[in-house]
Amino acid sequence: MLVGVISDTHDNFRAVRSALEVFRRRDVDIIVHCGDFIAPFTLKMFGELGTKLIGVFGNNDGEKILLSRISLELGFELMDQPMVKEISGIKALIMHGCGGVERTAKLAEELSKSFDLVLYGHTHAIDVRRIGESLILNPGEAHGLLSGKATVALLEVPSFSVEMVEISF
């Protein structure tokens, strides 16, 4: 199963369209969004692909009621963090993050003791680590404006093969 992992889109339409094109070309089976869509119209863009999306709200997602309504209309699963989900037989935890970069990365590391896969965002930094049998993955930021690099991840489950893809922003 090929999973498209994205986070921190922050209403950057060009970056979202670029990410969707990568996901379309690679024929991902599911998209996981690790939070910070920002506005509901950004979430609507994901509906154009026709691929199931699961994800969590980020700290900047203020319009949760409308985001939730649109998510339901599109057949997506969007909720407050954390989300515990089985993905192709893998026990996964999906979160945005909390606190600063170090605190969020440490939390992901601790959670990897209880989950096969921990997907997160919030830090705007790529993080691909194996801890024992578990994988921790942060796809970095899709909007690209903080780091100057917009990225998404392609994750093969259950092999945990990860490909980072730089997108236009």
C-alpha atoms as a PDB file:
ATOM      1  CA  MET A   1       0.000   0.000   0.000  1.00  0.00           C
ATOM      2  CA  LEU A   2       1.360   3.426  -0.949  1.00  0.00           C
ATOM      3  CA  VAL A   3       0.580   6.217   1.509  1.00  0.00           C
ATOM      4  CA  GLY A   4       0.995   9.891   0.626  1.00  0.00           C
ATOM      5  CA  VAL A   5       1.985  11.760   3.788  1.00  0.00           C
ATOM      6  CA  ILE A   6       1.646  15.537   3.962  1.00  0.00           C
ATOM      7  CA  SER A   7       1.581  18.184   6.667  1.00  0.00           C
ATOM      8  CA  ASP A   8       1.496  21.923   7.189  1.00  0.00           C
ATOM      9  CA  THR A   9      -0.093  22.979   3.902  1.00  0.00           C
ATOM     10  CA  HIS A  10      -1.005  26.377   5.418  1.00  0.00           C
ATOM     11  CA  ASP A  11      -3.289  27.373   2.520  1.00  0.00           C
ATOM     12  CA  ASN A  12      -0.517  27.335  -0.077  1.00  0.00           C
ATOM     13  CA  PHE A  13      -2.582  26.433  -3.153  1.00  0.00           C
ATOM     14  CA  ARG A  14       0.410  25.948  -5.446  1.00  0.00           C
ATOM     15  CA  ALA A  15       2.027  23.545  -3.012  1.00  0.00           C
ATOM     16  CA  VAL A  16      -1.214  21.606  -2.496  1.00  0.00           C
ATOM     17  CA  ARG A  17      -1.735  21.280  -6.254  1.00  0.00           C
ATOM     18  CA  SER A  18       1.878  20.138  -6.653  1.00  0.00           C
ATOM     19  CA  ALA A  19       1.476  17.576  -3.851  1.00  0.00           C
ATOM     20  CA  LEU A  20      -1.769  16.305  -5.366  1.00  0.00           C
ATOM     21  CA  GLU A  21      -0.035  15.888  -8.716  1.00  0.00           C
ATOM     22  CA  VAL A  22       2.691  13.774  -7.059  1.00  0.00           C
ATOM     23  CA  PHE A  23       0.031  11.669  -5.319  1.00  0.00           C
ATOM     24  CA  ARG A  24      -1.922  11.301  -8.583  1.00  0.00           C
ATOM     25  CA  ARG A  25       1.171  10.324 -10.622  1.00  0.00           C
ATOM     26  CA  ARG A  26       2.263   7.791  -8.030  1.00  0.00           C
ATOM     27  CA  ASP A  27      -1.289   6.476  -7.563  1.00  0.00           C
ATOM     28  CA  VAL A  28      -1.297   6.618  -3.763  1.00  0.00           C
ATOM     29  CA  ASP A  29      -3.871   4.435  -2.041  1.00  0.00           C
ATOM     30  CA  ILE A  30      -4.502   6.846   0.827  1.00  0.00           C
ATOM     31  CA  ILE A  31      -3.393  10.309   1.947  1.00  0.00           C
ATOM     32  CA  VAL A  32      -2.502  11.085   5.550  1.00  0.00           C
ATOM     33  CA  HIS A  33      -2.522  14.775   6.496  1.00  0.00           C
ATOM     34  CA  CYS A  34      -0.751  15.547   9.766  1.00  0.00           C
ATOM     35  CA  GLY A  35      -2.476  18.865  10.375  1.00  0.00           C
ATOM     36  CA  ASP A  36      -2.507  22.586   9.616  1.00  0.00           C
ATOM     37  CA  PHE A  37      -4.685  22.696   6.526  1.00  0.00           C
ATOM     38  CA  ILE A  38      -5.772  26.131   7.837  1.00  0.00           C
ATOM     39  CA  ALA A  39      -8.871  26.979   5.759  1.00  0.00           C
ATOM     40  CA  PRO A  40     -11.685  24.679   4.645  1.00  0.00           C
ATOM     41  CA  PHE A  41     -11.122  25.534   0.973  1.00  0.00           C
ATOM     42  CA  THR A  42      -7.665  23.931   1.221  1.00  0.00           C
ATOM     43  CA  LEU A  43      -9.249  20.686   2.432  1.00  0.00           C
ATOM     44  CA  LYS A  44     -11.689  20.820  -0.511  1.00  0.00           C
ATOM     45  CA  MET A  45      -8.744  20.705  -2.926  1.00  0.00           C
ATOM     46  CA  PHE A  46      -7.908  17.191  -1.691  1.00  0.00           C
ATOM     47  CA  GLY A  47     -11.361  16.071  -2.816  1.00  0.00           C
ATOM     48  CA  GLU A  48     -10.343  16.647  -6.445  1.00  0.00           C
ATOM     49  CA  LEU A  49      -8.052  13.609  -6.335  1.00  0.00           C
ATOM     50  CA  GLY A  50     -10.760  11.133  -5.337  1.00  0.00           C
ATOM     51  CA  THR A  51      -8.422   9.386  -2.877  1.00  0.00           C
ATOM     52  CA  LYS A  52      -9.348   8.681   0.753  1.00  0.00           C
ATOM     53  CA  LEU A  53      -7.793  11.124   3.221  1.00  0.00           C
ATOM     54  CA  ILE A  54      -7.347  10.622   6.938  1.00  0.00           C
ATOM     55  CA  GLY A  55      -5.812  13.170   9.243  1.00  0.00           C
ATOM     56  CA  VAL A  56      -5.779  15.334  12.293  1.00  0.00           C
ATOM     57  CA  PHE A  57      -6.272  18.982  13.055  1.00  0.00           C
ATOM     58  CA  GLY A  58      -3.183  21.084  13.656  1.00  0.00           C
ATOM     59  CA  ASN A  59      -2.722  23.952  16.074  1.00  0.00           C
ATOM     60  CA  ASN A  60      -3.553  26.505  13.335  1.00  0.00           C
ATOM     61  CA  ASP A  61      -6.750  24.820  12.124  1.00  0.00           C
ATOM     62  CA  GLY A  62      -9.260  27.199  13.681  1.00  0.00           C
ATOM     63  CA  GLU A  63     -12.392  26.463  11.638  1.00  0.00           C
ATOM     64  CA  LYS A  64     -12.827  22.904  12.887  1.00  0.00           C
ATOM     65  CA  ILE A  65     -16.602  22.797  12.469  1.00  0.00           C
ATOM     66  CA  LEU A  66     -16.500  23.616   8.767  1.00  0.00           C
ATOM     67  CA  LEU A  67     -13.395  21.462   8.227  1.00  0.00           C
ATOM     68  CA  SER A  68     -15.259  18.565   9.861  1.00  0.00           C
ATOM     69  CA  ARG A  69     -18.366  19.114   7.741  1.00  0.00           C
ATOM     70  CA  ILE A  70     -16.380  19.223   4.488  1.00  0.00           C
ATOM     71  CA  SER A  71     -14.406  16.166   5.584  1.00  0.00           C
ATOM     72  CA  LEU A  72     -17.640  14.211   6.050  1.00  0.00           C
ATOM     73  CA  GLU A  73     -18.999  15.396   2.682  1.00  0.00           C
ATOM     74  CA  LEU A  74     -15.825  14.199   0.958  1.00  0.00           C
ATOM     75  CA  GLY A  75     -15.759  10.860   2.805  1.00  0.00           C
ATOM     76  CA  PHE A  76     -12.586  11.802   4.671  1.00  0.00           C
ATOM     77  CA  GLU A  77     -11.699  11.080   8.284  1.00  0.00           C
ATOM     78  CA  LEU A  78     -10.493  14.179  10.129  1.00  0.00           C
ATOM     79  CA  MET A  79     -10.328  14.545  13.913  1.00  0.00           C
ATOM     80  CA  ASP A  80      -8.510  16.078  16.843  1.00  0.00           C
ATOM     81  CA  GLN A  81      -5.161  14.508  17.515  1.00  0.00           C
ATOM     82  CA  PRO A  82      -4.108  11.854  18.159  1.00  0.00           C
ATOM     83  CA  MET A  83      -5.667   9.455  15.675  1.00  0.00           C
ATOM     84  CA  VAL A  84      -4.999   5.753  16.120  1.00  0.00           C
ATOM     85  CA  LYS A  85      -5.504   3.879  12.873  1.00  0.00           C
ATOM     86  CA  GLU A  86      -4.653   0.552  11.326  1.00  0.00           C
ATOM     87  CA  ILE A  87      -3.061   1.054   7.920  1.00  0.00           C
ATOM     88  CA  SER A  88      -2.625  -2.160   5.975  1.00  0.00           C
ATOM     89  CA  GLY A  89      -2.217  -4.154   9.177  1.00  0.00           C
ATOM     90  CA  ILE A  90       0.143  -1.624  10.770  1.00  0.00           C
ATOM     91  CA  LYS A  91      -0.762   0.032  14.086  1.00  0.00           C
ATOM     92  CA  ALA A  92      -0.302   3.752  13.389  1.00  0.00           C
ATOM     93  CA  LEU A  93      -0.574   6.922  15.410  1.00  0.00           C
ATOM     94  CA  ILE A  94      -1.165  10.175  13.557  1.00  0.00           C
ATOM     95  CA  MET A  95      -0.644  13.505  15.292  1.00  0.00           C
ATOM     96  CA  HIS A  96       0.242  17.074  14.515  1.00  0.00           C
ATOM     97  CA  GLY A  97       2.442  17.862  17.495  1.00  0.00           C
ATOM     98  CA  CYS A  98       2.572  19.958  20.613  1.00  0.00           C
ATOM     99  CA  GLY A  99       4.981  22.492  22.003  1.00  0.00           C
ATOM    100  CA  GLY A 100       8.242  23.149  20.258  1.00  0.00           C
ATOM    101  CA  VAL A 101      10.329  21.117  17.854  1.00  0.00           C
ATOM    102  CA  GLU A 102      12.255  19.163  20.487  1.00  0.00           C
ATOM    103  CA  ARG A 103       9.181  18.359  22.580  1.00  0.00           C
ATOM    104  CA  THR A 104       7.224  17.146  19.547  1.00  0.00           C
ATOM    105  CA  ALA A 105      10.105  14.991  18.248  1.00  0.00           C
ATOM    106  CA  LYS A 106      10.591  13.495  21.720  1.00  0.00           C
ATOM    107  CA  LEU A 107       6.864  12.746  21.994  1.00  0.00           C
ATOM    108  CA  ALA A 108       6.963  10.963  18.625  1.00  0.00           C
ATOM    109  CA  GLU A 109       9.910   8.921  19.861  1.00  0.00           C
ATOM    110  CA  GLU A 110       8.102   7.922  23.056  1.00  0.00           C
ATOM    111  CA  LEU A 111       4.963   6.979  21.132  1.00  0.00           C
ATOM    112  CA  SER A 112       6.993   4.763  18.817  1.00  0.00           C
ATOM    113  CA  LYS A 113       7.356   2.370  21.766  1.00  0.00           C
ATOM    114  CA  SER A 114       3.615   1.623  21.504  1.00  0.00           C
ATOM    115  CA  PHE A 115       2.987   1.965  17.762  1.00  0.00           C
ATOM    116  CA  ASP A 116       4.507   0.504  14.610  1.00  0.00           C
ATOM    117  CA  LEU A 117       4.235   3.840  12.828  1.00  0.00           C
ATOM    118  CA  VAL A 118       4.136   7.422  14.130  1.00  0.00           C
ATOM    119  CA  LEU A 119       3.261  10.130  11.596  1.00  0.00           C
ATOM    120  CA  TYR A 120       3.464  13.752  12.673  1.00  0.00           C
ATOM    121  CA  GLY A 121       3.897  17.346  11.503  1.00  0.00           C
ATOM    122  CA  HIS A 122       4.076  20.702  13.314  1.00  0.00           C
ATOM    123  CA  THR A 123       7.874  21.075  13.338  1.00  0.00           C
ATOM    124  CA  HIS A 124       8.153  21.815   9.597  1.00  0.00           C
ATOM    125  CA  ALA A 125      11.224  19.559   9.562  1.00  0.00           C
ATOM    126  CA  ILE A 126      11.701  16.212   7.852  1.00  0.00           C
ATOM    127  CA  ASP A 127      12.140  13.367  10.316  1.00  0.00           C
ATOM    128  CA  VAL A 128      12.557   9.777   9.162  1.00  0.00           C
ATOM    129  CA  ARG A 129      13.784   7.485  11.937  1.00  0.00           C
ATOM    130  CA  ARG A 130      13.617   3.841  12.829  1.00  0.00           C
ATOM    131  CA  ILE A 131      13.378   3.110  16.538  1.00  0.00           C
ATOM    132  CA  GLY A 132      13.540  -0.636  16.935  1.00  0.00           C
ATOM    133  CA  GLU A 133      10.845  -2.020  14.631  1.00  0.00           C
ATOM    134  CA  SER A 134       8.916   1.269  14.531  1.00  0.00           C
ATOM    135  CA  LEU A 135       9.072   4.085  12.000  1.00  0.00           C
ATOM    136  CA  ILE A 136       8.737   7.769  12.860  1.00  0.00           C
ATOM    137  CA  LEU A 137       7.927  10.012   9.896  1.00  0.00           C
ATOM    138  CA  ASN A 138       7.423  13.739   9.577  1.00  0.00           C
ATOM    139  CA  PRO A 139       7.113  14.752   5.904  1.00  0.00           C
ATOM    140  CA  GLY A 140       8.317  18.287   6.605  1.00  0.00           C
ATOM    141  CA  GLU A 141       6.275  21.238   5.440  1.00  0.00           C
ATOM    142  CA  ALA A 142       4.239  21.244   2.267  1.00  0.00           C
ATOM    143  CA  HIS A 143       3.901  25.017   2.130  1.00  0.00           C
ATOM    144  CA  GLY A 144       7.676  25.527   2.003  1.00  0.00           C
ATOM    145  CA  LEU A 145       7.732  29.062   3.326  1.00  0.00           C
ATOM    146  CA  LEU A 146       9.407  28.432   6.669  1.00  0.00           C
ATOM    147  CA  SER A 147      12.268  26.190   5.577  1.00  0.00           C
ATOM    148  CA  GLY A 148      12.402  27.166   1.915  1.00  0.00           C
ATOM    149  CA  LYS A 149      11.756  23.544   0.949  1.00  0.00           C
ATOM    150  CA  ALA A 150       8.291  22.053   0.322  1.00  0.00           C
ATOM    151  CA  THR A 151       8.100  18.282   0.757  1.00  0.00           C
ATOM    152  CA  VAL A 152       5.755  15.320   0.986  1.00  0.00           C
ATOM    153  CA  ALA A 153       6.539  11.690   1.719  1.00  0.00           C
ATOM    154  CA  LEU A 154       5.599   8.504  -0.072  1.00  0.00           C
ATOM    155  CA  LEU A 155       5.455   5.634   2.384  1.00  0.00           C
ATOM    156  CA  GLU A 156       5.212   2.006   1.346  1.00  0.00           C
ATOM    157  CA  VAL A 157       3.414  -0.058   4.000  1.00  0.00           C
ATOM    158  CA  PRO A 158       4.246  -2.566   5.429  1.00  0.00           C
ATOM    159  CA  SER A 159       7.894  -2.372   4.243  1.00  0.00           C
ATOM    160  CA  PHE A 160       8.324   1.171   5.649  1.00  0.00           C
ATOM    161  CA  SER A 161      10.195   2.287   2.555  1.00  0.00           C
ATOM    162  CA  VAL A 162      10.094   6.108   2.486  1.00  0.00           C
ATOM    163  CA  GLU A 163      10.674   8.442  -0.431  1.00  0.00           C
ATOM    164  CA  MET A 164      10.803  12.174   0.238  1.00  0.00           C
ATOM    165  CA  VAL A 165       9.593  14.275  -2.708  1.00  0.00           C
ATOM    166  CA  GLU A 166      10.252  17.970  -3.089  1.00  0.00           C
ATOM    167  CA  ILE A 167       7.273  19.840  -4.548  1.00  0.00           C
ATOM    168  CA  SER A 168       6.811  23.291  -6.082  1.00  0.00           C
ATOM    169  CA  PHE A 169       5.551  26.054  -3.869  1.00  0.00           C
END
